[in-house]
Amino acid sequence: MSGEISALIAENLDTVALKAPIKRLAVPNVPIPYSRPLEQFVIPQVANIVLAAQELMLKKLPLLAAL
């Protein structure tokens, strides 16, 4: 779903202004393990999502400070 949204935004960059590049947080290109601990390691967890969002916000902070 998010890949489709990103593609639509990228296709319409003439009408949309992005403040940061599009970033995707997804399952790596590997088979999903059967083992529960390994499955949880491969699939993005809440902590991974929060960390990715924080990294994006930290990249934006210097731009906001300049304004």
C-alpha atoms as a PDB file:
ATOM      1  CA  MET A   1       0.000   0.000   0.000  1.00  0.00           C
ATOM      2  CA  SER A   2       2.664   2.531   0.998  1.00  0.00           C
ATOM      3  CA  GLY A   3       4.672   1.671  -2.110  1.00  0.00           C
ATOM      4  CA  GLU A   4       1.724   2.667  -4.283  1.00  0.00           C
ATOM      5  CA  ILE A   5       1.297   5.951  -2.420  1.00  0.00           C
ATOM      6  CA  SER A   6       5.018   6.689  -2.804  1.00  0.00           C
ATOM      7  CA  ALA A   7       4.841   5.900  -6.513  1.00  0.00           C
ATOM      8  CA  LEU A   8       1.889   8.255  -7.000  1.00  0.00           C
ATOM      9  CA  ILE A   9       3.732  11.048  -5.195  1.00  0.00           C
ATOM     10  CA  ALA A  10       6.917  10.461  -7.207  1.00  0.00           C
ATOM     11  CA  GLU A  11       4.948  10.489 -10.469  1.00  0.00           C
ATOM     12  CA  ASN A  12       3.344  13.830  -9.562  1.00  0.00           C
ATOM     13  CA  LEU A  13       6.374  15.718  -8.267  1.00  0.00           C
ATOM     14  CA  ASP A  14       5.426  18.684 -10.437  1.00  0.00           C
ATOM     15  CA  THR A  15       2.403  19.314  -8.175  1.00  0.00           C
ATOM     16  CA  VAL A  16       3.837  18.030  -4.861  1.00  0.00           C
ATOM     17  CA  ALA A  17       6.814  19.512  -2.998  1.00  0.00           C
ATOM     18  CA  LEU A  18       8.627  17.119  -0.670  1.00  0.00           C
ATOM     19  CA  LYS A  19      10.705  18.321   2.281  1.00  0.00           C
ATOM     20  CA  ALA A  20      12.578  15.012   2.512  1.00  0.00           C
ATOM     21  CA  PRO A  21      13.115  12.001   0.267  1.00  0.00           C
ATOM     22  CA  ILE A  22      10.684   9.116   0.413  1.00  0.00           C
ATOM     23  CA  LYS A  23      11.898   6.351   2.713  1.00  0.00           C
ATOM     24  CA  ARG A  24      10.559   2.819   2.863  1.00  0.00           C
ATOM     25  CA  LEU A  25      10.680   0.624   5.930  1.00  0.00           C
ATOM     26  CA  ALA A  26       9.795  -2.895   4.920  1.00  0.00           C
ATOM     27  CA  VAL A  27      10.583  -6.544   5.309  1.00  0.00           C
ATOM     28  CA  PRO A  28      13.981  -7.401   3.778  1.00  0.00           C
ATOM     29  CA  ASN A  29      13.924  -9.452   0.607  1.00  0.00           C
ATOM     30  CA  VAL A  30      14.197 -12.780   2.446  1.00  0.00           C
ATOM     31  CA  PRO A  31      11.721 -15.582   3.152  1.00  0.00           C
ATOM     32  CA  ILE A  32       9.801 -15.121   6.399  1.00  0.00           C
ATOM     33  CA  PRO A  33      11.321 -17.517   8.964  1.00  0.00           C
ATOM     34  CA  TYR A  34       9.129 -20.105  10.659  1.00  0.00           C
ATOM     35  CA  SER A  35      10.754 -19.502  14.043  1.00  0.00           C
ATOM     36  CA  ARG A  36       8.816 -16.859  16.007  1.00  0.00           C
ATOM     37  CA  PRO A  37      11.920 -14.985  17.299  1.00  0.00           C
ATOM     38  CA  LEU A  38      13.442 -14.896  13.806  1.00  0.00           C
ATOM     39  CA  GLU A  39      10.116 -13.803  12.328  1.00  0.00           C
ATOM     40  CA  GLN A  40       9.970 -10.897  14.774  1.00  0.00           C
ATOM     41  CA  PHE A  41      13.559 -10.000  13.871  1.00  0.00           C
ATOM     42  CA  VAL A  42      12.738  -9.833  10.137  1.00  0.00           C
ATOM     43  CA  ILE A  43       9.370  -8.057  10.301  1.00  0.00           C
ATOM     44  CA  PRO A  44       9.592  -4.353  11.273  1.00  0.00           C
ATOM     45  CA  GLN A  45       8.487  -3.882  14.874  1.00  0.00           C
ATOM     46  CA  VAL A  46       7.166  -0.753  16.580  1.00  0.00           C
ATOM     47  CA  ALA A  47      10.671   0.168  17.770  1.00  0.00           C
ATOM     48  CA  ASN A  48      12.000  -0.010  14.178  1.00  0.00           C
ATOM     49  CA  ILE A  49       9.200   2.214  12.913  1.00  0.00           C
ATOM     50  CA  VAL A  50       9.694   4.765  15.696  1.00  0.00           C
ATOM     51  CA  LEU A  51      13.461   4.839  15.077  1.00  0.00           C
ATOM     52  CA  ALA A  52      12.965   5.382  11.323  1.00  0.00           C
ATOM     53  CA  ALA A  53      10.513   8.233  12.008  1.00  0.00           C
ATOM     54  CA  GLN A  54      12.922   9.835  14.477  1.00  0.00           C
ATOM     55  CA  GLU A  55      15.766   9.602  11.947  1.00  0.00           C
ATOM     56  CA  LEU A  56      13.617  11.369   9.358  1.00  0.00           C
ATOM     57  CA  MET A  57      12.721  14.100  11.849  1.00  0.00           C
ATOM     58  CA  LEU A  58      16.372  14.601  12.824  1.00  0.00           C
ATOM     59  CA  LYS A  59      17.252  15.098   9.174  1.00  0.00           C
ATOM     60  CA  LYS A  60      14.575  17.799   8.954  1.00  0.00           C
ATOM     61  CA  LEU A  61      15.541  19.715  12.111  1.00  0.00           C
ATOM     62  CA  PRO A  62      18.443  21.698  10.589  1.00  0.00           C
ATOM     63  CA  LEU A  63      16.150  22.787   7.746  1.00  0.00           C
ATOM     64  CA  LEU A  64      13.515  23.990  10.201  1.00  0.00           C
ATOM     65  CA  ALA A  65      16.117  25.809  12.308  1.00  0.00           C
ATOM     66  CA  ALA A  66      17.245  27.765   9.249  1.00  0.00           C
ATOM     67  CA  LEU A  67      13.707  29.059   8.679  1.00  0.00           C
END
